[in-house]
């Protein structure tokens, strides 16, 4: 709740007018045919509306707006299967709508300064986008009974972060023990205790552990058994094809990169969208979910299960096929081209009517 309130005040709605003016000033310097905007930058969306430019909203994971048939995000809920569960989803959806709606006065004040009409809820801004592009696979997200007509799943974007380092295995290529990659959040989430327990868990496993701390933690601060290597980072695309399992906080990027390779997961969510990602992993039979308070013994047993039970790899492999197809189809490029083409057609069609109006006035 506190993090959402800070995000609203400092990113989404509080500085919306400043963001809008920045975008409009940039458009004065260099014209554009369309805008592509992160889903938190409501001020940039208002600027696109002010400039009468088509725009696409990017959601870098699952679809976040409450919609029929899917539990609201934030609590890592599984889909409802009973009337009581559906009541739960409706109630929590209203709560989530209320929480986001608290930013409406600030956002409408910004819209008013731009000469735009007020909205009834911030999420109505998404309805004004030509496209809302979901950067994950539809096969990964929970199926919805109904989505807005401008929403499209375009598949994940799997570029490596610029700080990911190349990796050279310290083990021989023919090493018989399975390789398990461990990676928690790249930003501080108090992940050190869970990471420490996970490293300790390898002491009782005939497996190799490759642990990445990310930039938030120092690899030297962890003691590791002989079968574990602790590094700052590695390129996932380089090491995941060799892995038998991945242990992660459940961030969308790590989860989807693992599933792209058909690798099962042990997810230990710590906040943000991680519980929701973990719920989808479990629902697809591609891994297990543990609480961040899980004991070292439970972490060890979960790793053993996802490596030894072939059903988890089968679930991950099924998703890998869908993710691979999405990546090959380049849907995002096509949707953006369509957005610009529709805008050009609309402008072309408008010109004769404008001319006729001018002639009538004369």
Foldseek 3Di string as FASTA:
>chain_A
DVVLVCLLCPAAFVCLLVLLVVLLVVCVVPPDQEEEEEPRNLSVLLNCVLVVHAYEYEDQAEDAQDAAQAAHFWPLDATDDDPVRNVVRVVVNVVVQVSQQVSQVRRQVSSVVSVHHGDPGSVVSNVRHQAYEYAAFPLLADDGPDDPPRYDYQFHDQDWPPPADADDDPDDPVDPAAEEEEEEDQADLVLVVLLQLQQVLCVPPSHAYEYADHPHDDQVVHDHPPRYDYYNHHGLVNCLLRHQEYEYCQDRNVVVSNLLNLHAYEHAHRTDRRSNSQSSLVVLLQAYYDYSPDGSNVSSVRVVCSNPPCSNSVSSPVVSVSNVVSVVVSVVVVSVVVSSVVSVVVVVVVVVVVVVVVVVVD
